[in-house]
C-alpha atoms as a PDB file:
ATOM      1  CA  MET A   1       1.733 -86.198 -32.793  1.00  0.00           C
ATOM      2  CA  LYS A   2       3.420 -83.158 -34.041  1.00  0.00           C
ATOM      3  CA  GLU A   3       4.370 -83.015 -37.491  1.00  0.00           C
ATOM      4  CA  ASN A   4       7.935 -81.575 -38.142  1.00  0.00           C
ATOM      5  CA  ARG A   5       8.048 -81.970 -41.843  1.00  0.00           C
ATOM      6  CA  ARG A   6       9.585 -79.168 -43.853  1.00  0.00           C
ATOM      7  CA  ASP A   7       7.924 -80.060 -47.058  1.00  0.00           C
ATOM      8  CA  GLU A   8       4.252 -81.318 -47.822  1.00  0.00           C
ATOM      9  CA  ARG A   9       4.141 -84.993 -48.505  1.00  0.00           C
ATOM     10  CA  PHE A  10       2.176 -86.486 -51.599  1.00  0.00           C
ATOM     11  CA  PRO A  11       0.845 -89.913 -51.793  1.00  0.00           C
ATOM     12  CA  ILE A  12       2.535 -91.591 -54.926  1.00  0.00           C
ATOM     13  CA  THR A  13       3.531 -95.122 -55.407  1.00  0.00           C
ATOM     14  CA  VAL A  14       6.506 -95.739 -57.505  1.00  0.00           C
ATOM     15  CA  GLU A  15       9.101 -98.431 -57.529  1.00  0.00           C
ATOM     16  CA  VAL A  16      12.628 -97.274 -56.644  1.00  0.00           C
ATOM     17  CA  GLU A  17      15.874 -98.859 -56.447  1.00  0.00           C
ATOM     18  CA  VAL A  18      17.587 -98.641 -53.019  1.00  0.00           C
ATOM     19  CA  LEU A  19      21.477 -99.399 -52.722  1.00  0.00           C
ATOM     20  CA  ILE A  20      23.038-100.055 -49.486  1.00  0.00           C
ATOM     21  CA  PRO A  21      26.530-101.808 -50.145  1.00  0.00           C
ATOM     22  CA  GLY A  22      26.970-104.442 -47.716  1.00  0.00           C
ATOM     23  CA  PHE A  23      23.670-104.296 -46.094  1.00  0.00           C
ATOM     24  CA  TRP A  24      21.540-106.463 -48.073  1.00  0.00           C
ATOM     25  CA  LYS A  25      22.825-109.807 -49.506  1.00  0.00           C
ATOM     26  CA  LYS A  26      22.173-108.268 -52.930  1.00  0.00           C
ATOM     27  CA  ARG A  27      23.354-104.875 -53.346  1.00  0.00           C
ATOM     28  CA  LYS A  28      20.060-103.282 -54.538  1.00  0.00           C
ATOM     29  CA  ARG A  29      16.422-103.741 -53.710  1.00  0.00           C
ATOM     30  CA  ILE A  30      13.283-102.577 -55.377  1.00  0.00           C
ATOM     31  CA  LEU A  31      10.988-100.992 -53.014  1.00  0.00           C
ATOM     32  CA  ARG A  32       7.536 -98.936 -53.334  1.00  0.00           C
ATOM     33  CA  THR A  33       7.068 -95.223 -52.195  1.00  0.00           C
ATOM     34  CA  ILE A  34       4.182 -94.690 -49.816  1.00  0.00           C
ATOM     35  CA  ASP A  35       4.586 -90.805 -50.327  1.00  0.00           C
ATOM     36  CA  MET A  36       7.178 -88.297 -51.224  1.00  0.00           C
ATOM     37  CA  SER A  37       8.091 -84.602 -50.947  1.00  0.00           C
ATOM     38  CA  ASN A  38      11.020 -82.343 -52.206  1.00  0.00           C
ATOM     39  CA  SER A  39      12.937 -83.259 -49.097  1.00  0.00           C
ATOM     40  CA  GLY A  40      12.236 -87.110 -48.820  1.00  0.00           C
ATOM     41  CA  VAL A  41      10.492 -90.212 -49.271  1.00  0.00           C
ATOM     42  CA  PHE A  42       8.529 -93.059 -47.318  1.00  0.00           C
ATOM     43  CA  LEU A  43       9.503 -96.446 -48.637  1.00  0.00           C
ATOM     44  CA  GLU A  44       7.577 -99.567 -47.766  1.00  0.00           C
ATOM     45  CA  CYS A  45       9.433-102.490 -46.437  1.00  0.00           C
ATOM     46  CA  ASP A  46       9.197-104.826 -43.568  1.00  0.00           C
ATOM     47  CA  GLU A  47      10.557-103.464 -40.253  1.00  0.00           C
ATOM     48  CA  LYS A  48      12.856-106.342 -39.844  1.00  0.00           C
ATOM     49  CA  SER A  49      14.488-105.937 -43.272  1.00  0.00           C
ATOM     50  CA  CYS A  50      14.878-102.125 -43.184  1.00  0.00           C
ATOM     51  CA  PRO A  51      18.131-100.739 -42.343  1.00  0.00           C
ATOM     52  CA  PRO A  52      18.471 -98.848 -39.084  1.00  0.00           C
ATOM     53  CA  VAL A  53      18.111 -95.020 -38.580  1.00  0.00           C
ATOM     54  CA  GLY A  54      21.274 -93.073 -39.743  1.00  0.00           C
ATOM     55  CA  THR A  55      22.008 -95.676 -42.474  1.00  0.00           C
ATOM     56  CA  LYS A  56      23.199 -93.843 -45.778  1.00  0.00           C
ATOM     57  CA  LEU A  57      21.750 -95.236 -48.810  1.00  0.00           C
ATOM     58  CA  GLU A  58      21.150 -94.212 -52.443  1.00  0.00           C
ATOM     59  CA  VAL A  59      17.745 -94.136 -54.256  1.00  0.00           C
ATOM     60  CA  ARG A  60      16.454 -93.747 -57.638  1.00  0.00           C
ATOM     61  CA  ILE A  61      13.403 -94.367 -59.752  1.00  0.00           C
ATOM     62  CA  SER A  62      13.474 -97.584 -61.139  1.00  0.00           C
ATOM     63  CA  GLY A  63      13.634 -97.961 -64.919  1.00  0.00           C
ATOM     64  CA  THR A  64      14.259 -95.097 -67.249  1.00  0.00           C
ATOM     65  CA  VAL A  65      13.175 -91.386 -67.912  1.00  0.00           C
ATOM     66  CA  GLY A  66      13.605 -90.265 -71.440  1.00  0.00           C
ATOM     67  CA  GLY A  67      15.552 -93.217 -72.381  1.00  0.00           C
ATOM     68  CA  GLU A  68      18.235 -92.803 -69.802  1.00  0.00           C
ATOM     69  CA  ALA A  69      18.535 -94.157 -66.158  1.00  0.00           C
ATOM     70  CA  PRO A  70      17.627 -91.504 -63.669  1.00  0.00           C
ATOM     71  CA  PRO A  71      20.279 -90.095 -61.295  1.00  0.00           C
ATOM     72  CA  LEU A  72      21.094 -91.803 -57.971  1.00  0.00           C
ATOM     73  CA  VAL A  73      20.107 -89.614 -54.989  1.00  0.00           C
ATOM     74  CA  GLN A  74      22.025 -89.642 -51.712  1.00  0.00           C
ATOM     75  CA  ALA A  75      19.749 -90.181 -48.664  1.00  0.00           C
ATOM     76  CA  LYS A  76      19.565 -91.210 -45.058  1.00  0.00           C
ATOM     77  CA  VAL A  77      17.103 -93.274 -42.765  1.00  0.00           C
ATOM     78  CA  VAL A  78      15.575 -90.927 -40.322  1.00  0.00           C
ATOM     79  CA  ARG A  79      12.635 -93.459 -39.059  1.00  0.00           C
ATOM     80  CA  VAL A  80      11.808 -96.950 -39.326  1.00  0.00           C
ATOM     81  CA  THR A  81       8.119 -98.137 -38.644  1.00  0.00           C
ATOM     82  CA  ARG A  82       6.662-101.494 -38.906  1.00  0.00           C
ATOM     83  CA  ASN A  83       5.684-100.899 -42.663  1.00  0.00           C
ATOM     84  CA  GLY A  84       8.417 -98.841 -43.923  1.00  0.00           C
ATOM     85  CA  MET A  85      11.308 -96.150 -43.535  1.00  0.00           C
ATOM     86  CA  ALA A  86      11.350 -92.502 -43.925  1.00  0.00           C
ATOM     87  CA  VAL A  87      14.388 -91.382 -45.740  1.00  0.00           C
ATOM     88  CA  VAL A  88      15.652 -87.696 -46.252  1.00  0.00           C
ATOM     89  CA  PHE A  89      17.484 -86.521 -49.423  1.00  0.00           C
ATOM     90  CA  LEU A  90      20.959 -85.323 -48.627  1.00  0.00           C
ATOM     91  CA  PRO A  91      22.534 -82.362 -50.346  1.00  0.00           C
ATOM     92  CA  GLY A  92      24.682 -83.444 -53.444  1.00  0.00           C
END
């Protein structure tokens, strides 16, 4: 399978808040990253509970950084697999 990635991905496990208003019963979920790059992230979730390709969402690292909540980053689901979803960061 040919890789079409713009940026190198690095394995990293971090909890992130994922917000999709109106998709899940709760407004946000905490998911774990599998890998991350400058242009996107792969998030661990069950295929049945992942939003479909094309869904716009917001992500941010869970917790605080330097005493403040990290910024929300706009993103879009570009791929869903049995163990997670790939999202690309959108320009701010």
